[in-house]
Amino acid sequence: MSQIFIFGDSITFGQWDKEGGWAERLKNDLSSRSITSNQENYYEVHNLGVPGDTTQDLLERFEGEYLARRDENEETVFVFAVGINDSALLTKDKTNSISKEAFRRNIKELADCAQKHSVKLLFAGLTPVDETKTNPWGLLRQKAYLNSEIEEYNRILIEFCEENGLPFADTFDKFRTDCKDCLEDGLHPNSQGHEYIFERVRKKLEEVKII
């Protein structure tokens, strides 16, 4: 058996998808595989997405979340899907919620923490937004999500994974070409968007023979 720990934010959590989000879709897909293989390939998937989380939030809860659920007799896989909240611009002072420099440090620290427990980890890319609905964002209008900022953070993820030989599931391209059809409220993917993320993450996990 393998345990797959998926850490992320509200998109990982599965908001706005009637099937529970892309992580839940991956869990159901792997459960089906287990049944058809007579339990030869069993995966226990933990969706650890928390709405609003940044890389800093994830770092603070990573060890506790993992250690509370791990089975020392089973293989561990980590998937990280985080960064869009880091990129958010605070409307008051026009700074990112988490600076790009801090974001780089945080994803390195996340990878280092994960690799203490397993060499099998994957980063998922970020998704674009509909800026007519996200600039500004929320009832209090205290921050904004901008594609130019999100793309820069996504590029940091790509470069980090390339430099460190880590698998990366890019999810930005499809949303950029067909953004409004894949989004529910301008920020969070709808069912179509979650299906796309699930397919890209699954494909990359298969390519690197994690599943």
N, C-alpha and C. Protein backbone atom coordinates (compact mmCIF):
# COMPACT_ATOMS: atom_id res chain seq x y z
N MET A 1 0.84 -1.20 0.00
CA MET A 1 0.00 0.00 0.00
C MET A 1 0.87 1.24 0.00
N SER A 2 0.39 2.28 -0.65
CA SER A 2 1.05 3.58 -0.62
C SER A 2 0.10 4.61 -0.03
N GLN A 3 0.65 5.50 0.76
CA GLN A 3 -0.12 6.62 1.27
C GLN A 3 0.25 7.87 0.48
N ILE A 4 -0.75 8.55 -0.05
CA ILE A 4 -0.53 9.78 -0.81
C ILE A 4 -1.08 10.95 -0.01
N PHE A 5 -0.20 11.88 0.34
CA PHE A 5 -0.59 13.05 1.12
C PHE A 5 -0.61 14.26 0.20
N ILE A 6 -1.79 14.84 0.01
CA ILE A 6 -1.95 15.98 -0.89
C ILE A 6 -2.15 17.24 -0.06
N PHE A 7 -1.16 18.11 -0.08
CA PHE A 7 -1.21 19.36 0.68
C PHE A 7 -1.52 20.52 -0.25
N GLY A 8 -2.43 21.40 0.20
CA GLY A 8 -2.74 22.55 -0.64
C GLY A 8 -3.70 23.51 0.02
N ASP A 9 -4.43 24.24 -0.82
CA ASP A 9 -5.34 25.30 -0.38
C ASP A 9 -6.78 24.94 -0.70
N SER A 10 -7.62 25.94 -0.94
CA SER A 10 -9.04 25.68 -1.18
C SER A 10 -9.28 24.93 -2.48
N ILE A 11 -8.40 25.11 -3.47
CA ILE A 11 -8.56 24.39 -4.73
C ILE A 11 -8.30 22.91 -4.49
N THR A 12 -7.28 22.59 -3.72
CA THR A 12 -7.03 21.20 -3.33
C THR A 12 -8.18 20.67 -2.48
N PHE A 13 -8.65 21.48 -1.57
CA PHE A 13 -9.77 21.10 -0.71
C PHE A 13 -10.99 20.68 -1.53
N GLY A 14 -11.19 21.33 -2.67
CA GLY A 14 -12.26 20.90 -3.58
C GLY A 14 -13.46 21.80 -3.68
N GLN A 15 -13.31 23.06 -3.33
CA GLN A 15 -14.44 23.97 -3.42
C GLN A 15 -14.96 24.07 -4.85
N TRP A 16 -16.29 24.15 -4.97
CA TRP A 16 -17.01 24.38 -6.22
C TRP A 16 -17.02 23.17 -7.16
N ASP A 17 -16.74 22.00 -6.65
CA ASP A 17 -16.84 20.79 -7.49
C ASP A 17 -17.80 19.81 -6.84
N LYS A 18 -18.82 19.40 -7.55
CA LYS A 18 -19.82 18.48 -7.00
C LYS A 18 -19.24 17.12 -6.66
N GLU A 19 -18.06 16.81 -7.23
CA GLU A 19 -17.42 15.52 -6.94
C GLU A 19 -16.32 15.65 -5.90
N GLY A 20 -16.21 16.82 -5.28
CA GLY A 20 -15.27 16.97 -4.17
C GLY A 20 -13.90 17.50 -4.52
N GLY A 21 -13.67 17.82 -5.80
CA GLY A 21 -12.39 18.40 -6.19
C GLY A 21 -11.45 17.41 -6.85
N TRP A 22 -10.36 17.94 -7.38
CA TRP A 22 -9.43 17.10 -8.13
C TRP A 22 -8.76 16.05 -7.25
N ALA A 23 -8.49 16.38 -6.00
CA ALA A 23 -7.86 15.41 -5.11
C ALA A 23 -8.81 14.25 -4.81
N GLU A 24 -10.08 14.56 -4.64
CA GLU A 24 -11.08 13.51 -4.40
C GLU A 24 -11.25 12.65 -5.66
N ARG A 25 -11.17 13.27 -6.82
CA ARG A 25 -11.24 12.51 -8.07
C ARG A 25 -10.06 11.54 -8.19
N LEU A 26 -8.88 12.00 -7.77
CA LEU A 26 -7.71 11.12 -7.79
C LEU A 26 -7.91 9.97 -6.82
N LYS A 27 -8.43 10.27 -5.65
CA LYS A 27 -8.69 9.23 -4.65
C LYS A 27 -9.65 8.19 -5.20
N ASN A 28 -10.73 8.62 -5.83
CA ASN A 28 -11.72 7.69 -6.38
C ASN A 28 -11.14 6.87 -7.52
N ASP A 29 -10.32 7.50 -8.35
CA ASP A 29 -9.70 6.79 -9.46
C ASP A 29 -8.77 5.69 -8.96
N LEU A 30 -7.97 6.01 -7.95
CA LEU A 30 -7.04 5.02 -7.42
C LEU A 30 -7.78 3.92 -6.66
N SER A 31 -8.90 4.25 -6.04
CA SER A 31 -9.72 3.22 -5.38
C SER A 31 -10.26 2.24 -6.40
N SER A 32 -10.68 2.76 -7.55
CA SER A 32 -11.19 1.89 -8.61
C SER A 32 -10.09 0.97 -9.13
N ARG A 33 -8.88 1.50 -9.26
CA ARG A 33 -7.76 0.67 -9.70
C ARG A 33 -7.49 -0.44 -8.69
N SER A 34 -7.60 -0.10 -7.42
CA SER A 34 -7.35 -1.09 -6.38
C SER A 34 -8.34 -2.24 -6.48
N ILE A 35 -9.59 -1.90 -6.72
CA ILE A 35 -10.63 -2.93 -6.82
C ILE A 35 -10.39 -3.84 -8.01
N THR A 36 -10.08 -3.24 -9.16
CA THR A 36 -9.88 -4.04 -10.37
C THR A 36 -8.61 -4.87 -10.32
N SER A 37 -7.65 -4.47 -9.47
CA SER A 37 -6.40 -5.23 -9.36
C SER A 37 -6.42 -6.17 -8.17
N ASN A 38 -7.60 -6.35 -7.56
CA ASN A 38 -7.73 -7.23 -6.39
C ASN A 38 -6.79 -6.82 -5.25
N GLN A 39 -6.73 -5.51 -5.01
CA GLN A 39 -5.96 -4.91 -3.91
C GLN A 39 -4.45 -5.00 -4.09
N GLU A 40 -3.99 -5.38 -5.29
CA GLU A 40 -2.54 -5.46 -5.50
C GLU A 40 -1.90 -4.07 -5.43
N ASN A 41 -2.61 -3.07 -5.92
CA ASN A 41 -2.12 -1.70 -5.90
C ASN A 41 -3.10 -0.84 -5.11
N TYR A 42 -2.89 -0.76 -3.81
CA TYR A 42 -3.82 -0.02 -2.96
C TYR A 42 -3.20 1.32 -2.56
N TYR A 43 -3.99 2.37 -2.71
CA TYR A 43 -3.52 3.71 -2.36
C TYR A 43 -4.47 4.33 -1.35
N GLU A 44 -3.90 4.86 -0.29
CA GLU A 44 -4.67 5.59 0.72
C GLU A 44 -4.38 7.08 0.52
N VAL A 45 -5.38 7.81 0.05
CA VAL A 45 -5.18 9.22 -0.30
C VAL A 45 -5.72 10.12 0.80
N HIS A 46 -4.89 11.06 1.26
CA HIS A 46 -5.28 12.03 2.27
C HIS A 46 -5.32 13.42 1.64
N ASN A 47 -6.52 13.99 1.55
CA ASN A 47 -6.66 15.36 1.04
C ASN A 47 -6.47 16.33 2.20
N LEU A 48 -5.35 17.03 2.19
CA LEU A 48 -5.01 17.94 3.27
C LEU A 48 -5.01 19.39 2.79
N GLY A 49 -5.96 19.70 1.92
CA GLY A 49 -6.14 21.06 1.46
C GLY A 49 -6.89 21.89 2.50
N VAL A 50 -6.40 23.09 2.77
CA VAL A 50 -7.03 24.00 3.72
C VAL A 50 -7.27 25.34 3.02
N PRO A 51 -8.53 25.78 2.91
CA PRO A 51 -8.81 27.05 2.25
C PRO A 51 -8.01 28.21 2.84
N GLY A 52 -7.44 29.00 1.95
CA GLY A 52 -6.69 30.18 2.36
C GLY A 52 -5.22 29.95 2.62
N ASP A 53 -4.77 28.71 2.60
CA ASP A 53 -3.38 28.42 2.96
C ASP A 53 -2.37 28.98 1.96
N THR A 54 -1.27 29.47 2.51
CA THR A 54 -0.08 29.84 1.75
C THR A 54 1.00 28.80 2.03
N THR A 55 2.14 28.96 1.39
CA THR A 55 3.24 28.04 1.68
C THR A 55 3.68 28.15 3.14
N GLN A 56 3.59 29.34 3.71
CA GLN A 56 3.97 29.51 5.11
C GLN A 56 3.02 28.74 6.02
N ASP A 57 1.72 28.82 5.74
CA ASP A 57 0.75 28.06 6.52
C ASP A 57 1.01 26.57 6.41
N LEU A 58 1.31 26.14 5.21
CA LEU A 58 1.53 24.71 4.97
C LEU A 58 2.77 24.23 5.72
N LEU A 59 3.81 25.03 5.69
CA LEU A 59 5.03 24.66 6.43
C LEU A 59 4.74 24.46 7.91
N GLU A 60 3.92 25.31 8.46
CA GLU A 60 3.64 25.27 9.89
C GLU A 60 2.83 24.04 10.30
N ARG A 61 2.09 23.46 9.37
CA ARG A 61 1.27 22.30 9.74
C ARG A 61 1.75 20.99 9.10
N PHE A 62 2.76 21.05 8.25
CA PHE A 62 3.16 19.88 7.48
C PHE A 62 3.50 18.67 8.34
N GLU A 63 4.45 18.83 9.24
CA GLU A 63 4.91 17.69 10.04
C GLU A 63 3.78 17.10 10.87
N GLY A 64 3.00 17.95 11.53
CA GLY A 64 1.92 17.45 12.37
C GLY A 64 0.88 16.69 11.60
N GLU A 65 0.49 17.23 10.44
CA GLU A 65 -0.52 16.57 9.60
C GLU A 65 -0.02 15.22 9.11
N TYR A 66 1.24 15.20 8.68
CA TYR A 66 1.80 13.96 8.15
C TYR A 66 1.99 12.90 9.23
N LEU A 67 2.62 13.29 10.32
CA LEU A 67 2.93 12.31 11.36
C LEU A 67 1.68 11.73 12.01
N ALA A 68 0.60 12.50 12.03
CA ALA A 68 -0.65 12.01 12.63
C ALA A 68 -1.30 10.93 11.78
N ARG A 69 -0.90 10.82 10.50
CA ARG A 69 -1.58 9.90 9.58
C ARG A 69 -0.67 8.83 8.98
N ARG A 70 0.61 8.97 9.11
CA ARG A 70 1.52 8.08 8.41
C ARG A 70 1.45 6.65 8.96
N ASP A 71 1.73 5.73 8.09
CA ASP A 71 1.89 4.33 8.45
C ASP A 71 3.32 3.96 8.10
N GLU A 72 4.13 3.69 9.08
CA GLU A 72 5.56 3.46 8.85
C GLU A 72 5.82 2.23 7.99
N ASN A 73 4.82 1.38 7.86
CA ASN A 73 5.00 0.17 7.06
C ASN A 73 4.64 0.38 5.59
N GLU A 74 4.17 1.56 5.25
CA GLU A 74 3.74 1.82 3.88
C GLU A 74 4.57 2.92 3.24
N GLU A 75 4.59 2.89 1.91
CA GLU A 75 5.31 3.90 1.14
C GLU A 75 4.57 5.24 1.20
N THR A 76 5.33 6.33 1.23
CA THR A 76 4.75 7.67 1.31
C THR A 76 4.98 8.43 0.01
N VAL A 77 3.94 9.11 -0.44
CA VAL A 77 4.02 10.00 -1.60
C VAL A 77 3.47 11.36 -1.18
N PHE A 78 4.16 12.44 -1.58
CA PHE A 78 3.68 13.79 -1.28
C PHE A 78 3.33 14.53 -2.57
N VAL A 79 2.20 15.23 -2.55
CA VAL A 79 1.82 16.12 -3.64
C VAL A 79 1.57 17.50 -3.03
N PHE A 80 2.24 18.51 -3.56
CA PHE A 80 2.04 19.89 -3.09
C PHE A 80 1.38 20.71 -4.19
N ALA A 81 0.26 21.36 -3.84
CA ALA A 81 -0.46 22.21 -4.78
C ALA A 81 -0.79 23.51 -4.06
N VAL A 82 0.16 24.41 -4.04
CA VAL A 82 0.02 25.62 -3.22
C VAL A 82 0.79 26.76 -3.87
N GLY A 83 0.31 27.99 -3.65
CA GLY A 83 1.03 29.14 -4.18
C GLY A 83 0.16 30.28 -4.65
N ILE A 84 -1.09 29.97 -5.01
CA ILE A 84 -1.94 31.04 -5.54
C ILE A 84 -2.26 32.08 -4.47
N ASN A 85 -2.42 31.64 -3.22
CA ASN A 85 -2.66 32.61 -2.15
C ASN A 85 -1.41 33.41 -1.80
N ASP A 86 -0.25 32.80 -2.01
CA ASP A 86 1.00 33.53 -1.83
C ASP A 86 1.08 34.71 -2.79
N SER A 87 0.57 34.50 -4.01
CA SER A 87 0.70 35.50 -5.06
C SER A 87 -0.25 36.68 -4.91
N ALA A 88 -1.28 36.53 -4.09
CA ALA A 88 -2.31 37.57 -3.97
C ALA A 88 -1.69 38.92 -3.58
N LEU A 89 -2.14 39.96 -4.25
CA LEU A 89 -1.66 41.31 -3.96
C LEU A 89 -2.56 41.97 -2.92
N LEU A 90 -1.96 42.46 -1.87
CA LEU A 90 -2.72 43.21 -0.86
C LEU A 90 -3.00 44.60 -1.42
N THR A 91 -4.27 44.97 -1.50
CA THR A 91 -4.64 46.21 -2.17
C THR A 91 -4.12 47.45 -1.45
N LYS A 92 -3.88 47.35 -0.16
CA LYS A 92 -3.44 48.52 0.61
C LYS A 92 -2.03 48.96 0.23
N ASP A 93 -1.11 48.01 0.15
CA ASP A 93 0.28 48.39 -0.11
C ASP A 93 0.88 47.75 -1.36
N LYS A 94 0.06 47.01 -2.12
CA LYS A 94 0.49 46.42 -3.39
C LYS A 94 1.67 45.45 -3.23
N THR A 95 1.71 44.74 -2.12
CA THR A 95 2.72 43.71 -1.93
C THR A 95 2.04 42.35 -1.95
N ASN A 96 2.81 41.33 -2.31
CA ASN A 96 2.27 39.97 -2.31
C ASN A 96 2.06 39.47 -0.90
N SER A 97 1.10 38.59 -0.72
CA SER A 97 0.86 38.00 0.60
C SER A 97 2.11 37.32 1.13
N ILE A 98 2.79 36.59 0.25
CA ILE A 98 4.10 36.01 0.54
C ILE A 98 5.02 36.46 -0.58
N SER A 99 6.10 37.12 -0.26
CA SER A 99 6.99 37.64 -1.30
C SER A 99 7.55 36.51 -2.14
N LYS A 100 8.00 36.85 -3.33
CA LYS A 100 8.56 35.83 -4.22
C LYS A 100 9.80 35.18 -3.62
N GLU A 101 10.60 35.96 -2.94
CA GLU A 101 11.80 35.41 -2.29
C GLU A 101 11.41 34.43 -1.18
N ALA A 102 10.43 34.80 -0.38
CA ALA A 102 9.96 33.91 0.68
C ALA A 102 9.30 32.67 0.10
N PHE A 103 8.61 32.83 -1.01
CA PHE A 103 7.97 31.70 -1.68
C PHE A 103 9.02 30.68 -2.12
N ARG A 104 10.11 31.17 -2.70
CA ARG A 104 11.19 30.27 -3.12
C ARG A 104 11.75 29.51 -1.91
N ARG A 105 11.99 30.23 -0.84
CA ARG A 105 12.52 29.58 0.37
C ARG A 105 11.54 28.55 0.91
N ASN A 106 10.27 28.90 0.90
CA ASN A 106 9.26 28.01 1.47
C ASN A 106 9.11 26.72 0.69
N ILE A 107 9.10 26.81 -0.65
CA ILE A 107 8.93 25.57 -1.41
C ILE A 107 10.17 24.69 -1.27
N LYS A 108 11.34 25.30 -1.13
CA LYS A 108 12.55 24.51 -0.88
C LYS A 108 12.45 23.82 0.47
N GLU A 109 11.99 24.55 1.48
CA GLU A 109 11.87 23.95 2.81
C GLU A 109 10.82 22.85 2.81
N LEU A 110 9.72 23.05 2.08
CA LEU A 110 8.70 22.00 1.97
C LEU A 110 9.29 20.75 1.35
N ALA A 111 10.03 20.93 0.27
CA ALA A 111 10.64 19.77 -0.39
C ALA A 111 11.64 19.09 0.53
N ASP A 112 12.44 19.87 1.23
CA ASP A 112 13.42 19.30 2.16
C ASP A 112 12.72 18.51 3.26
N CYS A 113 11.65 19.05 3.81
CA CYS A 113 10.91 18.36 4.87
C CYS A 113 10.31 17.06 4.34
N ALA A 114 9.74 17.13 3.15
CA ALA A 114 9.12 15.94 2.56
C ALA A 114 10.16 14.85 2.29
N GLN A 115 11.33 15.26 1.79
CA GLN A 115 12.34 14.28 1.41
C GLN A 115 13.02 13.62 2.60
N LYS A 116 12.75 14.12 3.79
CA LYS A 116 13.21 13.41 4.99
C LYS A 116 12.40 12.12 5.19
N HIS A 117 11.22 12.10 4.59
CA HIS A 117 10.32 10.96 4.77
C HIS A 117 10.14 10.13 3.50
N SER A 118 10.34 10.74 2.33
CA SER A 118 10.12 10.02 1.08
C SER A 118 10.78 10.77 -0.07
N VAL A 119 11.27 10.01 -1.05
CA VAL A 119 11.84 10.63 -2.25
C VAL A 119 10.76 10.87 -3.30
N LYS A 120 9.56 10.39 -3.02
CA LYS A 120 8.48 10.51 -4.00
C LYS A 120 7.62 11.73 -3.69
N LEU A 121 7.82 12.79 -4.46
CA LEU A 121 7.00 13.98 -4.30
C LEU A 121 6.81 14.67 -5.63
N LEU A 122 5.72 15.42 -5.71
CA LEU A 122 5.34 16.10 -6.94
C LEU A 122 4.75 17.46 -6.59
N PHE A 123 5.07 18.45 -7.41
CA PHE A 123 4.44 19.76 -7.28
C PHE A 123 3.44 19.94 -8.42
N ALA A 124 2.26 20.44 -8.08
CA ALA A 124 1.26 20.78 -9.10
C ALA A 124 1.29 22.28 -9.34
N GLY A 125 1.03 22.67 -10.59
CA GLY A 125 1.09 24.08 -10.94
C GLY A 125 -0.12 24.87 -10.48
N LEU A 126 -0.05 26.16 -10.70
CA LEU A 126 -1.13 27.07 -10.32
C LEU A 126 -2.09 27.26 -11.48
N THR A 127 -3.23 27.88 -11.21
CA THR A 127 -4.24 28.11 -12.25
C THR A 127 -4.52 29.60 -12.38
N PRO A 128 -4.76 30.07 -13.60
CA PRO A 128 -5.10 31.48 -13.82
C PRO A 128 -6.47 31.81 -13.26
N VAL A 129 -6.79 33.10 -13.28
CA VAL A 129 -8.07 33.58 -12.75
C VAL A 129 -8.77 34.44 -13.78
N ASP A 130 -10.01 34.76 -13.51
CA ASP A 130 -10.77 35.74 -14.29
C ASP A 130 -10.68 37.06 -13.53
N GLU A 131 -9.82 37.94 -13.99
CA GLU A 131 -9.53 39.16 -13.24
C GLU A 131 -10.72 40.10 -13.11
N THR A 132 -11.73 39.93 -13.96
CA THR A 132 -12.92 40.77 -13.80
C THR A 132 -13.64 40.46 -12.49
N LYS A 133 -13.32 39.28 -11.92
CA LYS A 133 -13.95 38.87 -10.66
C LYS A 133 -12.98 38.82 -9.49
N THR A 134 -11.69 38.90 -9.78
CA THR A 134 -10.70 38.74 -8.70
C THR A 134 -9.87 39.98 -8.44
N ASN A 135 -10.16 41.06 -9.13
CA ASN A 135 -9.40 42.30 -8.95
C ASN A 135 -10.35 43.48 -8.74
N PRO A 136 -10.72 43.75 -7.47
CA PRO A 136 -10.27 43.08 -6.24
C PRO A 136 -11.10 41.83 -5.94
N TRP A 137 -10.72 41.15 -4.86
CA TRP A 137 -11.36 39.89 -4.50
C TRP A 137 -12.03 39.99 -3.13
N GLY A 138 -13.22 39.39 -3.03
CA GLY A 138 -13.89 39.25 -1.74
C GLY A 138 -14.71 40.45 -1.33
N LEU A 139 -15.52 40.25 -0.32
CA LEU A 139 -16.41 41.31 0.15
C LEU A 139 -15.65 42.50 0.70
N LEU A 140 -14.52 42.23 1.34
CA LEU A 140 -13.74 43.31 1.93
C LEU A 140 -12.80 43.98 0.93
N ARG A 141 -12.61 43.33 -0.24
CA ARG A 141 -11.81 43.90 -1.32
C ARG A 141 -10.41 44.29 -0.85
N GLN A 142 -9.82 43.46 -0.01
CA GLN A 142 -8.51 43.78 0.56
C GLN A 142 -7.35 43.17 -0.21
N LYS A 143 -7.65 42.34 -1.19
CA LYS A 143 -6.57 41.77 -1.99
C LYS A 143 -7.08 41.49 -3.40
N ALA A 144 -6.14 41.20 -4.28
CA ALA A 144 -6.47 40.94 -5.68
C ALA A 144 -5.62 39.78 -6.19
N TYR A 145 -6.23 38.97 -7.05
CA TYR A 145 -5.50 37.89 -7.71
C TYR A 145 -5.31 38.29 -9.17
N LEU A 146 -4.05 38.38 -9.60
CA LEU A 146 -3.72 38.83 -10.95
C LEU A 146 -2.94 37.74 -11.68
N ASN A 147 -3.28 37.51 -12.95
CA ASN A 147 -2.61 36.46 -13.71
C ASN A 147 -1.12 36.71 -13.87
N SER A 148 -0.73 37.96 -13.98
CA SER A 148 0.70 38.26 -14.12
C SER A 148 1.48 37.81 -12.88
N GLU A 149 0.90 37.99 -11.72
CA GLU A 149 1.55 37.56 -10.48
C GLU A 149 1.51 36.04 -10.34
N ILE A 150 0.36 35.45 -10.62
CA ILE A 150 0.22 33.99 -10.52
C ILE A 150 1.22 33.31 -11.45
N GLU A 151 1.37 33.84 -12.66
CA GLU A 151 2.29 33.23 -13.61
C GLU A 151 3.74 33.30 -13.12
N GLU A 152 4.10 34.38 -12.46
CA GLU A 152 5.46 34.49 -11.92
C GLU A 152 5.70 33.44 -10.83
N TYR A 153 4.73 33.23 -9.98
CA TYR A 153 4.86 32.22 -8.92
C TYR A 153 4.88 30.82 -9.53
N ASN A 154 4.09 30.62 -10.57
CA ASN A 154 4.10 29.33 -11.26
C ASN A 154 5.47 29.08 -11.89
N ARG A 155 6.07 30.13 -12.44
CA ARG A 155 7.39 30.00 -13.04
C ARG A 155 8.44 29.65 -11.99
N ILE A 156 8.30 30.20 -10.81
CA ILE A 156 9.22 29.86 -9.71
C ILE A 156 9.12 28.37 -9.40
N LEU A 157 7.90 27.85 -9.37
CA LEU A 157 7.71 26.42 -9.13
C LEU A 157 8.37 25.58 -10.22
N ILE A 158 8.15 25.98 -11.48
CA ILE A 158 8.73 25.25 -12.60
C ILE A 158 10.25 25.23 -12.49
N GLU A 159 10.84 26.39 -12.27
CA GLU A 159 12.30 26.49 -12.18
C GLU A 159 12.85 25.67 -11.02
N PHE A 160 12.17 25.72 -9.88
CA PHE A 160 12.63 24.95 -8.72
C PHE A 160 12.61 23.46 -9.03
N CYS A 161 11.54 22.99 -9.64
CA CYS A 161 11.43 21.56 -9.94
C CYS A 161 12.47 21.14 -10.98
N GLU A 162 12.71 21.98 -11.98
CA GLU A 162 13.73 21.67 -12.98
C GLU A 162 15.11 21.61 -12.35
N GLU A 163 15.42 22.55 -11.49
CA GLU A 163 16.73 22.61 -10.85
C GLU A 163 16.98 21.43 -9.92
N ASN A 164 15.91 20.88 -9.36
CA ASN A 164 16.06 19.82 -8.35
C ASN A 164 15.58 18.46 -8.83
N GLY A 165 15.27 18.36 -10.11
CA GLY A 165 14.87 17.07 -10.68
C GLY A 165 13.58 16.52 -10.11
N LEU A 166 12.64 17.41 -9.81
CA LEU A 166 11.36 17.00 -9.23
C LEU A 166 10.25 17.07 -10.28
N PRO A 167 9.31 16.14 -10.25
CA PRO A 167 8.21 16.18 -11.22
C PRO A 167 7.27 17.35 -10.95
N PHE A 168 6.78 17.93 -12.04
CA PHE A 168 5.89 19.09 -11.96
C PHE A 168 4.73 18.89 -12.92
N ALA A 169 3.51 19.00 -12.40
CA ALA A 169 2.31 18.88 -13.23
C ALA A 169 1.79 20.27 -13.53
N ASP A 170 2.05 20.76 -14.74
CA ASP A 170 1.66 22.13 -15.10
C ASP A 170 0.17 22.18 -15.41
N THR A 171 -0.54 23.06 -14.73
CA THR A 171 -1.98 23.20 -14.94
C THR A 171 -2.36 24.58 -15.44
N PHE A 172 -1.36 25.41 -15.74
CA PHE A 172 -1.64 26.81 -16.11
C PHE A 172 -2.11 26.96 -17.55
N ASP A 173 -1.56 26.14 -18.46
CA ASP A 173 -1.76 26.36 -19.89
C ASP A 173 -3.21 26.26 -20.33
N LYS A 174 -3.91 25.20 -19.94
CA LYS A 174 -5.29 25.00 -20.37
C LYS A 174 -6.20 26.11 -19.84
N PHE A 175 -6.00 26.47 -18.61
CA PHE A 175 -6.82 27.52 -18.03
C PHE A 175 -6.57 28.86 -18.72
N ARG A 176 -5.36 29.09 -19.16
CA ARG A 176 -5.04 30.36 -19.81
C ARG A 176 -5.76 30.48 -21.15
N THR A 177 -5.92 29.36 -21.86
CA THR A 177 -6.57 29.41 -23.17
C THR A 177 -8.08 29.34 -23.07
N ASP A 178 -8.60 28.81 -21.98
CA ASP A 178 -10.05 28.65 -21.85
C ASP A 178 -10.48 28.95 -20.43
N CYS A 179 -9.98 30.05 -19.90
CA CYS A 179 -10.08 30.34 -18.47
C CYS A 179 -11.50 30.41 -17.94
N LYS A 180 -12.35 31.16 -18.59
CA LYS A 180 -13.67 31.41 -18.04
C LYS A 180 -14.54 30.15 -18.00
N ASP A 181 -14.28 29.20 -18.90
CA ASP A 181 -15.06 27.97 -18.91
C ASP A 181 -14.66 27.02 -17.78
N CYS A 182 -13.52 27.24 -17.17
CA CYS A 182 -13.01 26.33 -16.14
C CYS A 182 -13.11 26.90 -14.73
N LEU A 183 -13.69 28.09 -14.61
CA LEU A 183 -13.73 28.75 -13.31
C LEU A 183 -15.16 28.96 -12.85
N GLU A 184 -15.37 28.88 -11.54
CA GLU A 184 -16.71 29.05 -10.98
C GLU A 184 -16.95 30.49 -10.56
N ASP A 185 -16.06 31.02 -9.76
CA ASP A 185 -16.25 32.36 -9.20
C ASP A 185 -15.14 33.33 -9.59
N GLY A 186 -14.38 32.94 -10.58
CA GLY A 186 -13.26 33.76 -11.01
C GLY A 186 -11.93 33.29 -10.46
N LEU A 187 -11.96 32.61 -9.33
CA LEU A 187 -10.74 32.12 -8.68
C LEU A 187 -10.69 30.60 -8.61
N HIS A 188 -11.79 29.99 -8.18
CA HIS A 188 -11.81 28.54 -7.97
C HIS A 188 -12.33 27.80 -9.20
N PRO A 189 -11.67 26.71 -9.58
CA PRO A 189 -12.15 25.92 -10.72
C PRO A 189 -13.53 25.33 -10.45
N ASN A 190 -14.30 25.16 -11.53
CA ASN A 190 -15.56 24.43 -11.45
C ASN A 190 -15.27 22.95 -11.68
N SER A 191 -16.30 22.16 -11.89
CA SER A 191 -16.10 20.72 -12.07
C SER A 191 -15.21 20.43 -13.28
N GLN A 192 -15.41 21.18 -14.35
CA GLN A 192 -14.57 21.01 -15.54
C GLN A 192 -13.11 21.30 -15.22
N GLY A 193 -12.88 22.35 -14.47
CA GLY A 193 -11.52 22.70 -14.10
C GLY A 193 -10.87 21.67 -13.19
N HIS A 194 -11.63 21.17 -12.23
CA HIS A 194 -11.09 20.14 -11.33
C HIS A 194 -10.78 18.85 -12.09
N GLU A 195 -11.60 18.51 -13.06
CA GLU A 195 -11.34 17.33 -13.87
C GLU A 195 -10.02 17.49 -14.62
N TYR A 196 -9.78 18.67 -15.13
CA TYR A 196 -8.54 18.92 -15.86
C TYR A 196 -7.32 18.81 -14.94
N ILE A 197 -7.40 19.42 -13.76
CA ILE A 197 -6.28 19.33 -12.82
C ILE A 197 -6.02 17.87 -12.45
N PHE A 198 -7.09 17.14 -12.16
CA PHE A 198 -6.96 15.72 -11.82
C PHE A 198 -6.25 14.96 -12.94
N GLU A 199 -6.64 15.20 -14.19
CA GLU A 199 -6.04 14.48 -15.30
C GLU A 199 -4.56 14.80 -15.44
N ARG A 200 -4.20 16.07 -15.25
CA ARG A 200 -2.79 16.45 -15.37
C ARG A 200 -1.95 15.87 -14.25
N VAL A 201 -2.46 15.90 -13.03
CA VAL A 201 -1.72 15.34 -11.90
C VAL A 201 -1.59 13.83 -12.05
N ARG A 202 -2.67 13.17 -12.40
CA ARG A 202 -2.61 11.71 -12.59
C ARG A 202 -1.61 11.34 -13.68
N LYS A 203 -1.65 12.07 -14.80
CA LYS A 203 -0.74 11.78 -15.90
C LYS A 203 0.71 11.90 -15.46
N LYS A 204 1.03 12.94 -14.71
CA LYS A 204 2.41 13.12 -14.26
C LYS A 204 2.81 12.05 -13.26
N LEU A 205 1.91 11.68 -12.35
CA LEU A 205 2.21 10.61 -11.40
C LEU A 205 2.48 9.30 -12.13
N GLU A 206 1.76 9.07 -13.22
CA GLU A 206 1.98 7.86 -14.02
C GLU A 206 3.31 7.94 -14.77
N GLU A 207 3.61 9.11 -15.31
CA GLU A 207 4.85 9.28 -16.08
C GLU A 207 6.09 8.98 -15.25
N VAL A 208 6.06 9.39 -14.00
CA VAL A 208 7.23 9.18 -13.14
C VAL A 208 7.11 7.90 -12.32
N LYS A 209 6.09 7.10 -12.66
CA LYS A 209 5.88 5.77 -12.08
C LYS A 209 5.68 5.80 -10.56
N ILE A 210 5.00 6.85 -10.09
CA ILE A 210 4.60 6.89 -8.68
C ILE A 210 3.33 6.09 -8.48
N ILE A 211 2.46 6.10 -9.50
CA ILE A 211 1.27 5.24 -9.48
C ILE A 211 1.28 4.36 -10.72
